[in-house]
């Protein structure tokens, strides 16, 4: 089990920001527990607002629409739940 409050989210966001600064634009995939998806979105907006984030989560129909949008959006980071 991984402990809470150790700064894992910001470490990953900082690493992705570094990759983007060095022209490694992705796409990068982050798989997180479904209970933390909204927190990850908020932290990306706060710490790395220029990233194009695609959250792949929802019903089967919603995910189908997201796959279609993903082709157009060219996201740097995609996040999904386990």
Protein backbone atom coordinates (compact mmCIF):
# COMPACT_ATOMS: atom_id res chain seq x y z
CA UNK A 1 0.00 0.00 0.00
CA UNK A 2 1.25 3.47 -0.88
CA UNK A 3 1.01 6.13 1.81
CA UNK A 4 -0.90 9.37 1.27
CA UNK A 5 0.69 12.79 1.52
CA UNK A 6 4.14 11.98 0.16
CA UNK A 7 3.88 14.31 -2.85
CA UNK A 8 3.60 11.64 -5.54
CA UNK A 9 1.13 13.65 -7.64
CA UNK A 10 3.25 16.80 -7.79
CA UNK A 11 6.38 14.72 -8.48
CA UNK A 12 4.74 13.13 -11.51
CA UNK A 13 3.38 16.47 -12.73
CA UNK A 14 6.80 18.10 -12.32
CA UNK A 15 8.42 15.26 -14.25
CA UNK A 16 5.93 15.59 -17.10
CA UNK A 17 6.46 19.38 -17.12
CA UNK A 18 10.21 18.72 -17.39
CA UNK A 19 9.66 16.29 -20.26
CA UNK A 20 7.55 18.86 -22.09
CA UNK A 21 10.22 21.54 -21.56
CA UNK A 22 12.76 19.20 -23.15
CA UNK A 23 10.41 18.59 -26.12
CA UNK A 24 9.27 15.14 -25.02
CA UNK A 25 5.64 16.05 -25.51
CA UNK A 26 4.07 12.63 -25.15
CA UNK A 27 1.47 11.38 -25.08
CA UNK A 28 2.08 10.19 -21.53
CA UNK A 29 -0.34 7.86 -19.77
CA UNK A 30 -1.14 8.11 -16.07
CA UNK A 31 -3.28 5.41 -14.48
CA UNK A 32 -4.77 6.42 -11.14
CA UNK A 33 -7.51 5.16 -8.81
CA UNK A 34 -10.91 6.44 -9.97
CA UNK A 35 -11.36 8.20 -6.62
CA UNK A 36 -8.39 10.49 -7.40
CA UNK A 37 -9.09 11.46 -11.03
CA UNK A 38 -10.64 14.84 -10.18
CA UNK A 39 -7.76 15.67 -7.84
CA UNK A 40 -5.23 14.87 -10.59
CA UNK A 41 -7.11 17.13 -13.00
CA UNK A 42 -7.12 19.97 -10.49
CA UNK A 43 -3.41 19.55 -9.75
CA UNK A 44 -2.50 19.56 -13.46
CA UNK A 45 -4.50 22.76 -13.95
CA UNK A 46 -2.79 24.32 -10.94
CA UNK A 47 0.82 23.27 -11.59
CA UNK A 48 1.04 22.64 -15.34
CA UNK A 49 -1.78 24.62 -16.99
CA UNK A 50 -0.32 24.40 -20.50
CA UNK A 51 -0.62 20.63 -20.65
CA UNK A 52 -3.35 19.24 -22.89
CA UNK A 53 -4.99 16.73 -20.57
CA UNK A 54 -7.45 14.05 -21.63
CA UNK A 55 -9.27 12.19 -18.88
CA UNK A 56 -10.40 8.80 -20.14
CA UNK A 57 -13.15 7.86 -17.73
CA UNK A 58 -16.89 7.24 -17.81
CA UNK A 59 -19.46 4.91 -19.31
CA UNK A 60 -18.76 2.87 -22.42
CA UNK A 61 -20.49 5.50 -24.61
CA UNK A 62 -18.61 8.36 -22.93
CA UNK A 63 -15.29 6.59 -23.45
CA UNK A 64 -16.16 6.01 -27.11
CA UNK A 65 -16.71 9.77 -27.53
CA UNK A 66 -13.45 10.47 -25.70
CA UNK A 67 -11.53 8.19 -28.06
CA UNK A 68 -12.93 10.14 -31.00
CA UNK A 69 -12.03 13.47 -29.35
CA UNK A 70 -8.55 12.21 -28.44
CA UNK A 71 -7.64 11.90 -32.10
CA UNK A 72 -8.39 15.60 -32.62
CA UNK A 73 -7.13 16.98 -29.32
CA UNK A 74 -3.55 15.65 -29.45
CA UNK A 75 -3.27 15.43 -25.67
CA UNK A 76 0.13 15.49 -23.98
CA UNK A 77 -1.20 13.52 -21.02
CA UNK A 78 -4.02 11.01 -20.82
CA UNK A 79 -5.24 9.78 -17.48
CA UNK A 80 -7.43 6.80 -16.79
CA UNK A 81 -8.53 4.80 -13.80
CA UNK A 82 -7.40 1.33 -12.81
